[in-house]
């Protein structure tokens, strides 16, 4: 095979991938737009089809729909399963939700230490609400040794991202 033959195959493959990614993104946006405009059944159909292909953003969207009962029956276990699939792909929102499930004891046994693991992953992906939640667990010694200093570090990181409750907390007098 000549270099030009390899190049043509490579370029054809690359063009196919680009079009697939573009169609994927377009379909994802269509699903989210359907949900935003109140067409929940349509949004659910689009996002669940895309979620089945392994798209973490779509899996996260479907998890929200199941958690809230929008466009489908409310099903916390299925929501958890979709959040977990997206979290295993490092989706920041899904990582946060996994932490929330363990902190709240929703669908799982309450486990603050496990919540910390998920929140840390989300925080390391830049999720400000996870940073705030993590700050609260450290500050209050839930699932870990109490450390107001470590808690404040996370509260400040969250505040630096502009999260209003964190801004309020770190700017409170006597802190």
Protein backbone atom coordinates (compact mmCIF):
# COMPACT_ATOMS: atom_id res chain seq x y z
CA UNK A 1 0.00 0.00 0.00
CA UNK A 2 1.39 3.41 -0.90
CA UNK A 3 1.57 6.44 1.32
CA UNK A 4 -1.19 8.07 -0.71
CA UNK A 5 -3.41 5.01 -0.13
CA UNK A 6 -2.84 5.21 3.60
CA UNK A 7 -3.44 8.94 3.57
CA UNK A 8 -6.73 8.59 1.70
CA UNK A 9 -7.93 5.89 4.11
CA UNK A 10 -6.80 7.95 7.10
CA UNK A 11 -8.48 11.10 5.80
CA UNK A 12 -11.69 9.19 5.02
CA UNK A 13 -11.72 7.73 8.51
CA UNK A 14 -11.02 11.13 10.06
CA UNK A 15 -13.84 12.76 8.08
CA UNK A 16 -16.20 9.99 9.18
CA UNK A 17 -15.25 10.50 12.81
CA UNK A 18 -15.70 14.26 12.56
CA UNK A 19 -19.17 13.87 11.03
CA UNK A 20 -20.11 11.31 13.69
CA UNK A 21 -18.99 13.60 16.51
CA UNK A 22 -20.83 16.51 14.92
CA UNK A 23 -24.04 14.46 14.58
CA UNK A 24 -23.62 13.19 18.13
CA UNK A 25 -23.28 16.73 19.50
CA UNK A 26 -26.22 17.90 17.42
CA UNK A 27 -28.40 15.05 18.69
CA UNK A 28 -27.34 15.73 22.28
CA UNK A 29 -28.27 19.40 21.92
CA UNK A 30 -31.61 18.41 20.34
CA UNK A 31 -32.32 16.19 23.35
CA UNK A 32 -31.48 18.91 25.84
CA UNK A 33 -33.47 21.50 23.87
CA UNK A 34 -36.52 19.21 23.85
CA UNK A 35 -36.29 18.91 27.64
CA UNK A 36 -35.80 22.67 28.09
CA UNK A 37 -38.84 23.40 25.92
CA UNK A 38 -41.03 21.00 27.90
CA UNK A 39 -41.07 18.17 25.34
CA UNK A 40 -39.96 15.72 27.98
CA UNK A 41 -40.99 12.52 26.19
CA UNK A 42 -39.09 13.60 23.08
CA UNK A 43 -36.05 14.64 25.10
CA UNK A 44 -36.07 11.35 26.98
CA UNK A 45 -36.25 9.38 23.70
CA UNK A 46 -33.35 11.27 22.13
CA UNK A 47 -31.12 11.23 25.20
CA UNK A 48 -31.76 7.60 26.12
CA UNK A 49 -30.89 6.47 22.59
CA UNK A 50 -27.66 8.44 22.74
CA UNK A 51 -26.94 7.24 26.31
CA UNK A 52 -27.09 3.66 25.05
CA UNK A 53 -24.08 4.43 22.84
CA UNK A 54 -22.03 5.35 25.93
CA UNK A 55 -22.25 9.15 25.69
CA UNK A 56 -21.57 10.42 29.23
CA UNK A 57 -23.43 13.71 28.72
CA UNK A 58 -26.51 11.84 27.53
CA UNK A 59 -26.22 9.34 30.40
CA UNK A 60 -26.11 12.27 32.82
CA UNK A 61 -29.16 13.81 31.16
CA UNK A 62 -31.11 10.55 31.31
CA UNK A 63 -30.16 10.18 34.98
CA UNK A 64 -31.69 13.58 35.70
CA UNK A 65 -34.87 12.62 33.84
CA UNK A 66 -35.21 9.43 35.90
CA UNK A 67 -34.37 11.22 39.16
CA UNK A 68 -37.03 13.87 38.54
CA UNK A 69 -39.56 11.70 36.68
CA UNK A 70 -39.47 13.92 33.60
CA UNK A 71 -40.48 12.15 30.38
CA UNK A 72 -40.39 8.81 32.18
CA UNK A 73 -41.43 7.32 35.49
CA UNK A 74 -39.40 8.50 38.46
CA UNK A 75 -36.89 5.75 39.23
CA UNK A 76 -34.07 6.56 41.63
CA UNK A 77 -32.29 3.22 41.12
CA UNK A 78 -32.15 3.71 37.35
CA UNK A 79 -31.06 7.33 37.87
CA UNK A 80 -28.24 6.09 40.09
CA UNK A 81 -27.19 3.54 37.45
CA UNK A 82 -27.01 6.23 34.75
CA UNK A 83 -25.14 8.64 37.01
CA UNK A 84 -22.67 5.86 37.77
CA UNK A 85 -22.11 5.11 34.07
CA UNK A 86 -21.41 8.79 33.38
CA UNK A 87 -19.27 9.14 36.53
CA UNK A 88 -17.07 6.25 35.45
CA UNK A 89 -16.28 8.43 32.42
CA UNK A 90 -15.39 11.35 34.76
CA UNK A 91 -18.47 13.44 33.99
CA UNK A 92 -18.21 16.19 36.66
CA UNK A 93 -21.95 16.48 37.30
CA UNK A 94 -22.34 12.72 37.58
CA UNK A 95 -19.35 12.49 39.92
CA UNK A 96 -21.03 15.09 42.14
CA UNK A 97 -24.35 13.23 42.06
CA UNK A 98 -22.65 10.00 43.11
CA UNK A 99 -21.24 11.85 46.11
CA UNK A 100 -24.69 13.22 46.88
CA UNK A 101 -26.27 9.74 46.74
CA UNK A 102 -23.74 8.45 49.28
CA UNK A 103 -23.96 11.52 51.50
CA UNK A 104 -27.77 11.46 51.54
CA UNK A 105 -28.07 7.68 51.69
CA UNK A 106 -30.35 7.81 48.65
CA UNK A 107 -30.63 4.36 47.03
CA UNK A 108 -27.44 3.30 48.86
CA UNK A 109 -26.34 2.96 52.46
CA UNK A 110 -25.26 6.37 53.71
CA UNK A 111 -21.48 6.46 53.58
CA UNK A 112 -19.73 9.80 54.08
CA UNK A 113 -16.29 8.35 53.28
CA UNK A 114 -17.60 7.11 49.93
CA UNK A 115 -19.24 10.50 49.34
CA UNK A 116 -15.86 12.14 49.89
CA UNK A 117 -14.26 9.92 47.23
CA UNK A 118 -16.84 10.96 44.63
CA UNK A 119 -16.86 14.62 45.65
CA UNK A 120 -13.05 14.74 45.42
CA UNK A 121 -13.18 13.39 41.88
CA UNK A 122 -15.83 15.97 40.93
CA UNK A 123 -13.92 18.77 42.68
CA UNK A 124 -10.76 17.80 40.82
CA UNK A 125 -12.79 18.19 37.61
CA UNK A 126 -13.66 21.74 38.70
CA UNK A 127 -17.19 21.19 40.04
CA UNK A 128 -17.84 24.07 42.52
CA UNK A 129 -20.79 22.46 44.29
CA UNK A 130 -18.70 19.34 44.92
CA UNK A 131 -15.97 21.56 46.36
CA UNK A 132 -18.52 23.11 48.70
CA UNK A 133 -19.95 19.71 49.74
CA UNK A 134 -16.45 18.40 50.33
CA UNK A 135 -15.68 21.44 52.45
CA UNK A 136 -18.73 20.70 54.57
CA UNK A 137 -17.75 17.09 55.15
CA UNK A 138 -14.19 18.00 56.18
CA UNK A 139 -15.31 21.00 58.24
CA UNK A 140 -17.79 18.86 60.19
CA UNK A 141 -15.73 15.67 60.30
CA UNK A 142 -18.23 13.51 58.44
CA UNK A 143 -16.58 10.44 56.92
CA UNK A 144 -13.15 11.77 57.80
CA UNK A 145 -11.18 13.35 60.61
CA UNK A 146 -12.60 16.78 61.37
CA UNK A 147 -10.49 19.54 59.85
CA UNK A 148 -11.92 23.04 59.73
CA UNK A 149 -8.76 24.15 57.92
CA UNK A 150 -9.16 21.56 55.15
CA UNK A 151 -12.86 22.36 54.98
CA UNK A 152 -12.09 26.06 54.54
CA UNK A 153 -9.66 25.25 51.73
CA UNK A 154 -12.49 23.57 49.83
CA UNK A 155 -14.99 26.31 50.70
CA UNK A 156 -12.54 28.90 49.35
CA UNK A 157 -11.96 26.91 46.15
CA UNK A 158 -15.72 26.76 45.67
CA UNK A 159 -16.02 30.49 46.36
CA UNK A 160 -13.25 31.16 43.84
CA UNK A 161 -15.47 29.42 41.28
CA UNK A 162 -18.28 31.82 42.21
CA UNK A 163 -20.59 29.39 44.02
CA UNK A 164 -22.92 31.70 46.05
CA UNK A 165 -23.26 29.62 49.26
CA UNK A 166 -19.47 29.26 49.41
CA UNK A 167 -18.99 32.99 48.84
CA UNK A 168 -21.42 33.68 51.67
CA UNK A 169 -19.77 31.16 53.99
CA UNK A 170 -16.18 32.32 53.52
CA UNK A 171 -17.16 35.98 53.81
CA UNK A 172 -19.19 35.50 56.99
CA UNK A 173 -17.80 37.51 59.92
CA UNK A 174 -15.78 35.57 62.52
CA UNK A 175 -14.41 33.06 60.02
